[in-house]
Structures are given as C-alpha cells and as structure tokens.
Protein backbone atom coordinates (compact mmCIF):
# COMPACT_ATOMS: atom_id res chain seq x y z
CA MET A 1 188.34 87.51 124.78
CA GLY A 2 188.27 85.27 128.13
CA LYS A 3 188.90 85.93 131.65
CA SER A 4 192.74 85.67 132.74
CA ASP A 5 194.41 82.91 135.81
CA TRP A 6 193.81 86.11 137.98
CA GLU A 7 190.43 87.50 137.20
CA LEU A 8 188.71 83.80 138.24
CA PHE A 9 187.80 82.13 140.87
CA ASN A 10 190.11 78.91 141.10
CA CYS A 11 187.84 76.93 143.50
CA SER A 12 190.86 73.92 143.62
CA GLU A 13 192.38 76.73 146.19
CA GLN A 14 191.98 76.76 149.39
CA HIS A 15 194.02 80.33 149.42
CA GLU A 16 190.78 82.19 147.18
CA HIS A 17 188.28 80.53 149.61
CA ASP A 18 190.12 82.00 152.84
CA TYR A 19 190.22 84.89 150.74
CA VAL A 20 186.93 85.83 149.81
CA VAL A 21 186.14 84.37 153.49
CA SER A 22 187.82 86.42 154.89
CA LEU A 23 186.30 89.65 153.17
CA TYR A 24 182.91 88.87 154.77
CA LYS A 25 182.09 89.98 158.54
CA VAL A 26 183.42 87.25 161.01
CA ALA A 27 179.85 85.68 162.15
CA ASP A 28 179.34 85.08 158.30
CA ARG A 29 182.03 83.58 157.62
CA PRO A 30 180.78 80.04 158.38
CA GLU A 31 177.95 80.33 155.81
CA VAL A 32 180.26 82.21 152.78
CA ARG A 33 182.38 79.06 153.26
CA GLN A 34 179.77 76.45 153.34
CA PHE A 35 178.42 77.94 150.39
CA LEU A 36 181.58 78.31 148.26
CA LYS A 37 182.29 74.14 149.22
CA ASP A 38 178.49 73.75 148.19
CA LYS A 39 178.34 75.68 144.95
CA CYS A 40 182.08 74.75 143.58
CA ALA A 41 180.77 70.84 144.23
CA ASP A 42 177.79 72.02 141.65
CA GLY A 43 179.86 73.68 139.20
CA THR A 44 177.67 76.86 140.06
CA ILE A 45 181.06 79.13 140.00
CA LYS A 46 183.33 77.42 137.65
CA ASN A 47 185.09 79.53 136.07
CA PHE A 48 183.12 82.62 137.93
CA THR A 49 185.78 86.32 138.38
CA HIS A 50 185.57 86.58 141.45
CA SER A 51 183.43 89.36 141.18
CA GLN A 52 180.96 87.33 139.77
CA VAL A 53 181.52 85.14 143.04
CA TYR A 54 180.53 88.42 145.17
CA ASP A 55 177.18 89.02 143.89
CA LEU A 56 176.68 85.88 143.75
CA ILE A 57 176.55 85.54 147.81
CA GLU A 58 175.00 89.02 147.76
CA SER A 59 172.02 88.18 146.31
CA GLU A 60 172.00 84.36 147.64
CA LEU A 61 173.01 84.84 150.20
CA GLY A 62 172.05 88.86 151.32
CA LEU A 63 174.87 89.57 152.84
CA THR A 64 177.59 92.42 151.82
CA ARG A 65 181.72 92.36 151.68
CA SER A 66 182.69 94.59 155.26
C-alpha cells in the first residue's frame, strides 16, 4: 500500500519546508533550508515521507530536532 499524501513531504509546498526547518535549532535552520532545497532539486527526497526526510537530515547533517 502506498503512502498517503499527508505522509509525504511535498517539495513544491513552501509551508512544508518551513515546518521542517522550524523543528531544528535556530542556528541550524539555514543549513536545513538549503539541504531541503538541494535534495528537492536533485530529486533525492521525491516521494519521501516526513520521517524519511528527518532521518536523512540526521544522517547527512548530523542534526537532531529540538
């Protein structure tokens, strides 16, 4: 069974970027915002769930949600 739309991170929705960025410390937010922009542009996180996006941020940037 596929993931529902509400579970998937939508690269074309700015409010979704803003929400994910808001989960991290203020000092890390520019890095997270650029990371999301880059991963959306290269298609890495296409069809990723929010959870998968958080896991990728943690593994590639070494950040945790605050």
